[in-house]
Amino acid sequence: MSWSNDLYAQALHFAADRHAQQCFPGTDLPYAVHVVTVAAEVMRALAEERHARPDLAVACALLHDTIEDTSTTVEEITGAFGPEVAAGVLALTKDERLPRADRMLDSLRRIREQPDEIWMVKLADRISNLTAPPPYWSVEKCRAYRAEGELIAEQLRGISDWLDRRLRERIAAYAGYSD
């Protein structure tokens, strides 16, 4: 099953515009590199596995951080991409009003209420993020980040064998930063 190239371009342009002044943490790379990497993980899984809504998965992969990390509102996402994409992006957005310790569990709960394709985006996001941590992260922060990756893998297991395997590989490789 395929996704729309036009929707991909529209979502990429929207995300690149919204993240224009941001760099990926610990690098000089434009933040758009991160969302493209997440989308690439999702598209690779979609090439291997059948999922009902590939456009939903790809659009949300590109837009997943727009509400959380920019001034973009859910209404703007709804207007540009529709309510299903907006609901997916909102589920992928951590609720900053909650205590930090509760944010991931809350987000995972909301993601599990969404279609499978939103689960895929969260798995792909953590795959993308489990690379070399920023140099200023402590070993303790790396351990916590790896543990959070394990929580994500456990909570969202079974939606995509391909992404499950990729995330487990990344978690294992990340041990070098947290041991």
N, C-alpha and C. Protein backbone atom coordinates (compact mmCIF):
# COMPACT_ATOMS: atom_id res chain seq x y z
N MET A 1 0.85 -1.18 0.00
CA MET A 1 0.00 0.00 0.00
C MET A 1 0.89 1.24 0.00
N SER A 2 0.48 2.25 -0.69
CA SER A 2 1.31 3.43 -0.90
C SER A 2 0.71 4.65 -0.21
N TRP A 3 1.49 5.69 -0.15
CA TRP A 3 1.07 6.97 0.41
C TRP A 3 1.13 8.01 -0.69
N SER A 4 0.48 9.12 -0.45
CA SER A 4 0.40 10.19 -1.43
C SER A 4 1.66 11.05 -1.41
N ASN A 5 2.31 11.18 -2.55
CA ASN A 5 3.48 12.07 -2.64
C ASN A 5 3.09 13.52 -2.39
N ASP A 6 1.90 13.90 -2.84
CA ASP A 6 1.44 15.28 -2.63
C ASP A 6 1.24 15.57 -1.14
N LEU A 7 0.62 14.64 -0.43
CA LEU A 7 0.44 14.83 1.01
C LEU A 7 1.79 14.86 1.72
N TYR A 8 2.71 13.97 1.31
CA TYR A 8 4.06 13.97 1.89
C TYR A 8 4.69 15.35 1.73
N ALA A 9 4.64 15.90 0.52
CA ALA A 9 5.26 17.20 0.26
C ALA A 9 4.58 18.30 1.07
N GLN A 10 3.25 18.26 1.14
CA GLN A 10 2.52 19.28 1.91
C GLN A 10 2.91 19.22 3.40
N ALA A 11 2.93 18.01 3.96
CA ALA A 11 3.27 17.87 5.38
C ALA A 11 4.73 18.23 5.64
N LEU A 12 5.62 17.84 4.73
CA LEU A 12 7.03 18.18 4.90
C LEU A 12 7.24 19.69 4.86
N HIS A 13 6.62 20.37 3.92
CA HIS A 13 6.76 21.83 3.83
C HIS A 13 6.20 22.50 5.08
N PHE A 14 5.06 22.03 5.55
CA PHE A 14 4.45 22.58 6.77
C PHE A 14 5.40 22.41 7.96
N ALA A 15 5.90 21.17 8.14
CA ALA A 15 6.79 20.89 9.28
C ALA A 15 8.09 21.68 9.16
N ALA A 16 8.67 21.72 7.96
CA ALA A 16 9.93 22.45 7.78
C ALA A 16 9.75 23.93 8.09
N ASP A 17 8.63 24.48 7.68
CA ASP A 17 8.34 25.89 7.97
C ASP A 17 8.20 26.11 9.48
N ARG A 18 7.46 25.25 10.15
CA ARG A 18 7.21 25.42 11.58
C ARG A 18 8.47 25.20 12.42
N HIS A 19 9.34 24.31 11.98
CA HIS A 19 10.57 24.01 12.72
C HIS A 19 11.78 24.78 12.16
N ALA A 20 11.54 25.77 11.32
CA ALA A 20 12.60 26.43 10.55
C ALA A 20 13.76 26.95 11.39
N GLN A 21 13.51 27.44 12.56
CA GLN A 21 14.58 28.03 13.37
C GLN A 21 15.18 27.04 14.36
N GLN A 22 14.76 25.79 14.30
CA GLN A 22 15.21 24.79 15.27
C GLN A 22 16.28 23.88 14.66
N CYS A 23 17.15 23.41 15.53
CA CYS A 23 18.13 22.39 15.16
C CYS A 23 17.84 21.13 15.97
N PHE A 24 18.23 19.99 15.42
CA PHE A 24 18.09 18.75 16.17
C PHE A 24 19.02 18.83 17.37
N PRO A 25 18.53 18.51 18.59
CA PRO A 25 19.34 18.68 19.81
C PRO A 25 20.73 18.05 19.71
N GLY A 26 21.70 18.83 20.12
CA GLY A 26 23.09 18.37 20.13
C GLY A 26 23.78 18.42 18.79
N THR A 27 23.10 19.00 17.76
CA THR A 27 23.69 19.07 16.42
C THR A 27 23.43 20.45 15.81
N ASP A 28 24.01 20.65 14.64
CA ASP A 28 23.71 21.85 13.85
C ASP A 28 22.73 21.53 12.72
N LEU A 29 22.18 20.33 12.71
CA LEU A 29 21.26 19.91 11.65
C LEU A 29 19.90 20.56 11.81
N PRO A 30 19.29 20.97 10.72
CA PRO A 30 17.92 21.50 10.82
C PRO A 30 16.99 20.43 11.38
N TYR A 31 16.02 20.85 12.17
CA TYR A 31 15.10 19.91 12.80
C TYR A 31 14.35 19.07 11.78
N ALA A 32 14.15 19.59 10.59
CA ALA A 32 13.44 18.84 9.55
C ALA A 32 14.12 17.50 9.26
N VAL A 33 15.42 17.40 9.49
CA VAL A 33 16.11 16.12 9.29
C VAL A 33 15.49 15.05 10.19
N HIS A 34 15.14 15.43 11.42
CA HIS A 34 14.53 14.47 12.34
C HIS A 34 13.17 13.98 11.81
N VAL A 35 12.31 14.90 11.42
CA VAL A 35 10.98 14.46 10.98
C VAL A 35 11.05 13.64 9.70
N VAL A 36 11.99 13.95 8.82
CA VAL A 36 12.18 13.15 7.61
C VAL A 36 12.69 11.75 7.98
N THR A 37 13.56 11.66 8.96
CA THR A 37 14.07 10.36 9.41
C THR A 37 12.94 9.52 10.00
N VAL A 38 12.09 10.14 10.79
CA VAL A 38 10.93 9.42 11.35
C VAL A 38 10.03 8.94 10.22
N ALA A 39 9.75 9.81 9.27
CA ALA A 39 8.91 9.42 8.13
C ALA A 39 9.55 8.29 7.33
N ALA A 40 10.86 8.31 7.17
CA ALA A 40 11.55 7.24 6.44
C ALA A 40 11.39 5.90 7.15
N GLU A 41 11.48 5.88 8.46
CA GLU A 41 11.26 4.65 9.23
C GLU A 41 9.84 4.14 9.00
N VAL A 42 8.87 5.04 9.06
CA VAL A 42 7.47 4.67 8.86
C VAL A 42 7.26 4.14 7.44
N MET A 43 7.80 4.84 6.45
CA MET A 43 7.61 4.42 5.05
C MET A 43 8.27 3.06 4.80
N ARG A 44 9.40 2.80 5.42
CA ARG A 44 10.04 1.49 5.27
C ARG A 44 9.16 0.39 5.85
N ALA A 45 8.59 0.66 7.03
CA ALA A 45 7.67 -0.32 7.63
C ALA A 45 6.45 -0.53 6.74
N LEU A 46 5.93 0.55 6.18
CA LEU A 46 4.76 0.45 5.28
C LEU A 46 5.09 -0.35 4.02
N ALA A 47 6.33 -0.31 3.59
CA ALA A 47 6.75 -1.09 2.42
C ALA A 47 6.81 -2.58 2.75
N GLU A 48 7.02 -2.91 4.01
CA GLU A 48 7.14 -4.30 4.45
C GLU A 48 5.81 -4.89 4.91
N GLU A 49 4.93 -4.05 5.42
CA GLU A 49 3.71 -4.52 6.08
C GLU A 49 2.49 -3.78 5.53
N ARG A 50 1.36 -4.42 5.62
CA ARG A 50 0.12 -3.79 5.17
C ARG A 50 -0.54 -3.07 6.35
N HIS A 51 -0.81 -1.80 6.17
CA HIS A 51 -1.54 -1.00 7.15
C HIS A 51 -2.61 -0.23 6.40
N ALA A 52 -3.73 -0.01 7.04
CA ALA A 52 -4.91 0.54 6.38
C ALA A 52 -4.75 1.99 5.92
N ARG A 53 -4.01 2.80 6.68
CA ARG A 53 -3.94 4.24 6.40
C ARG A 53 -2.51 4.75 6.29
N PRO A 54 -1.83 4.42 5.20
CA PRO A 54 -0.44 4.88 5.07
C PRO A 54 -0.32 6.40 5.04
N ASP A 55 -1.28 7.10 4.46
CA ASP A 55 -1.22 8.56 4.45
C ASP A 55 -1.26 9.14 5.86
N LEU A 56 -2.08 8.56 6.71
CA LEU A 56 -2.15 9.01 8.10
C LEU A 56 -0.80 8.83 8.78
N ALA A 57 -0.18 7.69 8.57
CA ALA A 57 1.12 7.42 9.20
C ALA A 57 2.19 8.39 8.72
N VAL A 58 2.26 8.62 7.42
CA VAL A 58 3.32 9.47 6.87
C VAL A 58 3.09 10.93 7.27
N ALA A 59 1.86 11.41 7.18
CA ALA A 59 1.58 12.80 7.56
C ALA A 59 1.91 13.03 9.04
N CYS A 60 1.47 12.11 9.90
CA CYS A 60 1.75 12.27 11.33
C CYS A 60 3.24 12.14 11.65
N ALA A 61 3.95 11.32 10.90
CA ALA A 61 5.40 11.22 11.10
C ALA A 61 6.07 12.56 10.85
N LEU A 62 5.67 13.22 9.80
CA LEU A 62 6.27 14.51 9.46
C LEU A 62 5.83 15.63 10.40
N LEU A 63 4.63 15.52 10.93
CA LEU A 63 4.05 16.59 11.74
C LEU A 63 4.12 16.33 13.24
N HIS A 64 4.66 15.20 13.67
CA HIS A 64 4.50 14.74 15.04
C HIS A 64 4.99 15.71 16.11
N ASP A 65 5.94 16.55 15.84
CA ASP A 65 6.47 17.47 16.85
C ASP A 65 5.99 18.92 16.67
N THR A 66 5.12 19.17 15.72
CA THR A 66 4.74 20.56 15.46
C THR A 66 3.98 21.20 16.61
N ILE A 67 3.08 20.48 17.25
CA ILE A 67 2.34 21.07 18.37
C ILE A 67 3.23 21.13 19.60
N GLU A 68 4.00 20.08 19.84
CA GLU A 68 4.84 20.00 21.05
C GLU A 68 5.99 21.01 21.03
N ASP A 69 6.60 21.22 19.87
CA ASP A 69 7.84 21.99 19.82
C ASP A 69 7.76 23.33 19.09
N THR A 70 6.58 23.71 18.62
CA THR A 70 6.43 25.00 17.95
C THR A 70 5.15 25.66 18.45
N SER A 71 4.82 26.79 17.90
CA SER A 71 3.59 27.48 18.30
C SER A 71 2.37 27.00 17.51
N THR A 72 2.51 25.94 16.75
CA THR A 72 1.41 25.39 15.95
C THR A 72 0.30 24.89 16.87
N THR A 73 -0.93 25.16 16.48
CA THR A 73 -2.08 24.70 17.26
C THR A 73 -2.73 23.49 16.59
N VAL A 74 -3.50 22.77 17.38
CA VAL A 74 -4.24 21.63 16.85
C VAL A 74 -5.24 22.11 15.78
N GLU A 75 -5.75 23.31 15.94
CA GLU A 75 -6.68 23.86 14.95
C GLU A 75 -6.00 24.08 13.60
N GLU A 76 -4.74 24.52 13.64
CA GLU A 76 -4.00 24.70 12.38
C GLU A 76 -3.78 23.35 11.69
N ILE A 77 -3.43 22.34 12.46
CA ILE A 77 -3.24 21.00 11.88
C ILE A 77 -4.57 20.50 11.31
N THR A 78 -5.64 20.68 12.05
CA THR A 78 -6.96 20.26 11.58
C THR A 78 -7.31 20.96 10.27
N GLY A 79 -7.09 22.27 10.21
CA GLY A 79 -7.41 23.03 9.00
C GLY A 79 -6.61 22.60 7.79
N ALA A 80 -5.36 22.28 8.00
CA ALA A 80 -4.48 21.93 6.89
C ALA A 80 -4.53 20.45 6.51
N PHE A 81 -4.78 19.56 7.49
CA PHE A 81 -4.65 18.12 7.24
C PHE A 81 -5.84 17.28 7.68
N GLY A 82 -6.81 17.90 8.34
CA GLY A 82 -8.00 17.17 8.75
C GLY A 82 -7.95 16.69 10.19
N PRO A 83 -9.12 16.29 10.71
CA PRO A 83 -9.22 15.93 12.13
C PRO A 83 -8.49 14.65 12.51
N GLU A 84 -8.39 13.68 11.61
CA GLU A 84 -7.71 12.44 11.96
C GLU A 84 -6.20 12.66 12.15
N VAL A 85 -5.59 13.44 11.27
CA VAL A 85 -4.17 13.76 11.42
C VAL A 85 -3.97 14.60 12.68
N ALA A 86 -4.84 15.57 12.89
CA ALA A 86 -4.72 16.42 14.08
C ALA A 86 -4.82 15.59 15.36
N ALA A 87 -5.75 14.64 15.40
CA ALA A 87 -5.89 13.78 16.59
C ALA A 87 -4.63 12.94 16.79
N GLY A 88 -4.05 12.45 15.71
CA GLY A 88 -2.82 11.68 15.81
C GLY A 88 -1.66 12.51 16.34
N VAL A 89 -1.49 13.70 15.78
CA VAL A 89 -0.41 14.59 16.23
C VAL A 89 -0.62 14.98 17.69
N LEU A 90 -1.85 15.24 18.06
CA LEU A 90 -2.14 15.61 19.44
C LEU A 90 -1.82 14.45 20.39
N ALA A 91 -2.14 13.23 20.02
CA ALA A 91 -1.81 12.07 20.86
C ALA A 91 -0.30 11.91 21.00
N LEU A 92 0.45 12.26 19.96
CA LEU A 92 1.91 12.16 19.98
C LEU A 92 2.57 13.31 20.75
N THR A 93 1.78 14.27 21.17
CA THR A 93 2.27 15.46 21.87
C THR A 93 2.18 15.25 23.38
N LYS A 94 3.31 15.39 24.06
CA LYS A 94 3.28 15.28 25.51
C LYS A 94 2.56 16.48 26.11
N ASP A 95 1.80 16.24 27.16
CA ASP A 95 1.02 17.28 27.84
C ASP A 95 1.93 17.97 28.86
N GLU A 96 2.36 19.17 28.52
CA GLU A 96 3.29 19.93 29.37
C GLU A 96 2.67 20.35 30.70
N ARG A 97 1.36 20.25 30.82
CA ARG A 97 0.69 20.61 32.08
C ARG A 97 0.88 19.54 33.15
N LEU A 98 1.23 18.33 32.73
CA LEU A 98 1.43 17.23 33.67
C LEU A 98 2.84 17.26 34.24
N PRO A 99 3.04 16.65 35.42
CA PRO A 99 4.41 16.51 35.92
C PRO A 99 5.23 15.72 34.91
N ARG A 100 6.49 16.06 34.78
CA ARG A 100 7.37 15.43 33.78
C ARG A 100 7.30 13.90 33.85
N ALA A 101 7.28 13.35 35.05
CA ALA A 101 7.28 11.89 35.21
C ALA A 101 6.02 11.24 34.64
N ASP A 102 4.94 11.97 34.48
CA ASP A 102 3.68 11.40 34.00
C ASP A 102 3.44 11.60 32.51
N ARG A 103 4.23 12.42 31.87
CA ARG A 103 3.96 12.81 30.48
C ARG A 103 4.02 11.66 29.49
N MET A 104 5.04 10.82 29.57
CA MET A 104 5.17 9.74 28.59
C MET A 104 4.05 8.72 28.74
N LEU A 105 3.74 8.32 29.96
CA LEU A 105 2.66 7.35 30.16
C LEU A 105 1.33 7.90 29.66
N ASP A 106 1.09 9.17 29.91
CA ASP A 106 -0.13 9.80 29.41
C ASP A 106 -0.16 9.79 27.88
N SER A 107 0.95 10.16 27.26
CA SER A 107 1.01 10.17 25.79
C SER A 107 0.82 8.76 25.24
N LEU A 108 1.46 7.76 25.84
CA LEU A 108 1.31 6.39 25.37
C LEU A 108 -0.13 5.91 25.51
N ARG A 109 -0.79 6.30 26.58
CA ARG A 109 -2.20 5.96 26.75
C ARG A 109 -3.04 6.55 25.62
N ARG A 110 -2.78 7.82 25.30
CA ARG A 110 -3.54 8.48 24.23
C ARG A 110 -3.19 7.90 22.86
N ILE A 111 -1.93 7.52 22.66
CA ILE A 111 -1.53 6.89 21.39
C ILE A 111 -2.25 5.56 21.22
N ARG A 112 -2.36 4.78 22.29
CA ARG A 112 -3.02 3.47 22.19
C ARG A 112 -4.51 3.60 21.86
N GLU A 113 -5.08 4.77 22.04
CA GLU A 113 -6.49 5.02 21.68
C GLU A 113 -6.63 5.41 20.21
N GLN A 114 -5.52 5.58 19.52
CA GLN A 114 -5.49 6.01 18.12
C GLN A 114 -5.33 4.80 17.19
N PRO A 115 -5.51 5.02 15.88
CA PRO A 115 -5.25 3.94 14.92
C PRO A 115 -3.80 3.46 14.98
N ASP A 116 -3.59 2.25 14.50
CA ASP A 116 -2.26 1.63 14.51
C ASP A 116 -1.17 2.52 13.94
N GLU A 117 -1.51 3.28 12.92
CA GLU A 117 -0.51 4.10 12.23
C GLU A 117 0.11 5.14 13.16
N ILE A 118 -0.62 5.59 14.18
CA ILE A 118 -0.07 6.55 15.14
C ILE A 118 0.93 5.83 16.05
N TRP A 119 0.64 4.59 16.39
CA TRP A 119 1.58 3.79 17.17
C TRP A 119 2.90 3.69 16.41
N MET A 120 2.79 3.45 15.10
CA MET A 120 3.99 3.32 14.26
C MET A 120 4.85 4.56 14.33
N VAL A 121 4.21 5.73 14.34
CA VAL A 121 4.97 6.99 14.38
C VAL A 121 5.77 7.09 15.68
N LYS A 122 5.15 6.71 16.79
CA LYS A 122 5.87 6.79 18.07
C LYS A 122 7.05 5.83 18.09
N LEU A 123 6.87 4.63 17.57
CA LEU A 123 7.98 3.68 17.48
C LEU A 123 9.09 4.26 16.61
N ALA A 124 8.73 4.80 15.46
CA ALA A 124 9.72 5.37 14.53
C ALA A 124 10.41 6.58 15.14
N ASP A 125 9.69 7.38 15.89
CA ASP A 125 10.28 8.55 16.54
C ASP A 125 11.37 8.12 17.52
N ARG A 126 11.08 7.11 18.32
CA ARG A 126 12.10 6.68 19.27
C ARG A 126 13.26 5.99 18.56
N ILE A 127 13.01 5.26 17.50
CA ILE A 127 14.10 4.68 16.70
C ILE A 127 15.02 5.80 16.23
N SER A 128 14.43 6.86 15.71
CA SER A 128 15.20 8.00 15.21
C SER A 128 16.00 8.67 16.33
N ASN A 129 15.42 8.73 17.51
CA ASN A 129 16.07 9.43 18.62
C ASN A 129 17.13 8.61 19.34
N LEU A 130 17.10 7.30 19.18
CA LEU A 130 18.08 6.45 19.88
C LEU A 130 19.38 6.35 19.08
N THR A 131 19.96 7.49 18.84
CA THR A 131 21.28 7.59 18.22
C THR A 131 22.20 8.19 19.28
N ALA A 132 23.37 8.60 18.91
CA ALA A 132 24.29 9.20 19.89
C ALA A 132 23.60 10.36 20.61
N PRO A 133 23.58 10.33 21.94
CA PRO A 133 22.93 11.42 22.68
C PRO A 133 23.76 12.70 22.59
N PRO A 134 23.12 13.82 22.87
CA PRO A 134 23.90 15.07 22.92
C PRO A 134 25.05 14.93 23.92
N PRO A 135 26.19 15.53 23.64
CA PRO A 135 27.36 15.35 24.51
C PRO A 135 27.16 15.84 25.94
N TYR A 136 26.19 16.70 26.15
CA TYR A 136 25.98 17.24 27.49
C TYR A 136 25.06 16.35 28.34
N TRP A 137 24.55 15.24 27.79
CA TRP A 137 23.71 14.34 28.58
C TRP A 137 24.57 13.51 29.53
N SER A 138 24.09 13.35 30.74
CA SER A 138 24.78 12.50 31.72
C SER A 138 24.44 11.03 31.45
N VAL A 139 25.22 10.15 32.05
CA VAL A 139 24.96 8.71 31.94
C VAL A 139 23.57 8.41 32.51
N GLU A 140 23.20 9.08 33.59
CA GLU A 140 21.88 8.87 34.19
C GLU A 140 20.77 9.26 33.23
N LYS A 141 20.93 10.36 32.53
CA LYS A 141 19.92 10.77 31.56
C LYS A 141 19.85 9.76 30.41
N CYS A 142 20.97 9.25 29.98
CA CYS A 142 20.99 8.23 28.93
C CYS A 142 20.29 6.96 29.40
N ARG A 143 20.52 6.57 30.64
CA ARG A 143 19.84 5.39 31.20
C ARG A 143 18.32 5.61 31.21
N ALA A 144 17.91 6.77 31.65
CA ALA A 144 16.48 7.07 31.71
C ALA A 144 15.87 7.07 30.31
N TYR A 145 16.60 7.60 29.34
CA TYR A 145 16.10 7.65 27.97
C TYR A 145 15.98 6.25 27.39
N ARG A 146 16.95 5.40 27.67
CA ARG A 146 16.89 4.02 27.22
C ARG A 146 15.73 3.30 27.88
N ALA A 147 15.53 3.51 29.18
CA ALA A 147 14.41 2.88 29.88
C ALA A 147 13.08 3.34 29.30
N GLU A 148 13.00 4.60 28.96
CA GLU A 148 11.79 5.12 28.32
C GLU A 148 11.56 4.44 26.96
N GLY A 149 12.65 4.21 26.22
CA GLY A 149 12.55 3.48 24.96
C GLY A 149 12.01 2.07 25.17
N GLU A 150 12.46 1.42 26.25
CA GLU A 150 11.96 0.09 26.57
C GLU A 150 10.47 0.13 26.92
N LEU A 151 10.05 1.17 27.63
CA LEU A 151 8.64 1.34 27.95
C LEU A 151 7.81 1.51 26.68
N ILE A 152 8.28 2.33 25.77
CA ILE A 152 7.59 2.53 24.49
C ILE A 152 7.49 1.21 23.73
N ALA A 153 8.60 0.48 23.67
CA ALA A 153 8.61 -0.80 22.97
C ALA A 153 7.59 -1.77 23.57
N GLU A 154 7.51 -1.81 24.87
CA GLU A 154 6.58 -2.71 25.55
C GLU A 154 5.13 -2.27 25.34
N GLN A 155 4.86 -0.99 25.52
CA GLN A 155 3.49 -0.48 25.44
C GLN A 155 2.91 -0.54 24.03
N LEU A 156 3.77 -0.43 23.02
CA LEU A 156 3.28 -0.36 21.63
C LEU A 156 3.67 -1.60 20.82
N ARG A 157 4.03 -2.66 21.47
CA ARG A 157 4.44 -3.90 20.81
C ARG A 157 3.27 -4.49 20.01
N GLY A 158 3.63 -5.06 18.84
CA GLY A 158 2.67 -5.85 18.09
C GLY A 158 1.99 -5.14 16.94
N ILE A 159 2.19 -3.87 16.77
CA ILE A 159 1.56 -3.14 15.67
C ILE A 159 2.36 -3.29 14.39
N SER A 160 3.69 -3.30 14.54
CA SER A 160 4.57 -3.40 13.38
C SER A 160 5.78 -4.24 13.74
N ASP A 161 5.84 -5.44 13.20
CA ASP A 161 6.99 -6.30 13.48
C ASP A 161 8.29 -5.63 13.06
N TRP A 162 8.26 -4.94 11.92
CA TRP A 162 9.47 -4.30 11.41
C TRP A 162 9.96 -3.21 12.37
N LEU A 163 9.04 -2.35 12.82
CA LEU A 163 9.43 -1.28 13.74
C LEU A 163 9.77 -1.83 15.13
N ASP A 164 9.06 -2.88 15.57
CA ASP A 164 9.41 -3.51 16.85
C ASP A 164 10.86 -3.98 16.83
N ARG A 165 11.25 -4.67 15.75
CA ARG A 165 12.61 -5.18 15.64
C ARG A 165 13.63 -4.03 15.60
N ARG A 166 13.33 -3.01 14.80
CA ARG A 166 14.25 -1.86 14.69
C ARG A 166 14.43 -1.17 16.05
N LEU A 167 13.35 -1.00 16.78
CA LEU A 167 13.45 -0.34 18.08
C LEU A 167 14.26 -1.19 19.06
N ARG A 168 14.03 -2.48 19.08
CA ARG A 168 14.80 -3.36 19.97
C ARG A 168 16.30 -3.29 19.63
N GLU A 169 16.62 -3.25 18.34
CA GLU A 169 18.03 -3.12 17.93
C GLU A 169 18.62 -1.81 18.43
N ARG A 170 17.88 -0.73 18.29
CA ARG A 170 18.37 0.59 18.72
C ARG A 170 18.54 0.65 20.24
N ILE A 171 17.59 0.07 20.97
CA ILE A 171 17.69 0.04 22.43
C ILE A 171 18.95 -0.72 22.84
N ALA A 172 19.20 -1.85 22.22
CA ALA A 172 20.40 -2.64 22.55
C ALA A 172 21.66 -1.85 22.23
N ALA A 173 21.71 -1.20 21.11
CA ALA A 173 22.89 -0.42 20.72
C ALA A 173 23.08 0.78 21.66
N TYR A 174 22.00 1.34 22.15
CA TYR A 174 22.07 2.52 23.03
C TYR A 174 22.67 2.18 24.39
N ALA A 175 22.73 0.91 24.71
CA ALA A 175 23.31 0.50 26.00
C ALA A 175 24.73 1.03 26.15
N GLY A 176 25.43 1.19 25.05
CA GLY A 176 26.79 1.72 25.09
C GLY A 176 26.87 3.13 25.67
N TYR A 177 25.78 3.87 25.64
CA TYR A 177 25.76 5.23 26.19
C TYR A 177 25.24 5.26 27.62
N SER A 178 24.62 4.16 28.03
CA SER A 178 23.95 4.19 29.35
C SER A 178 24.53 3.20 30.34
N ASP A 179 25.57 2.48 29.96
CA ASP A 179 26.18 1.52 30.89
C ASP A 179 27.46 2.07 31.50
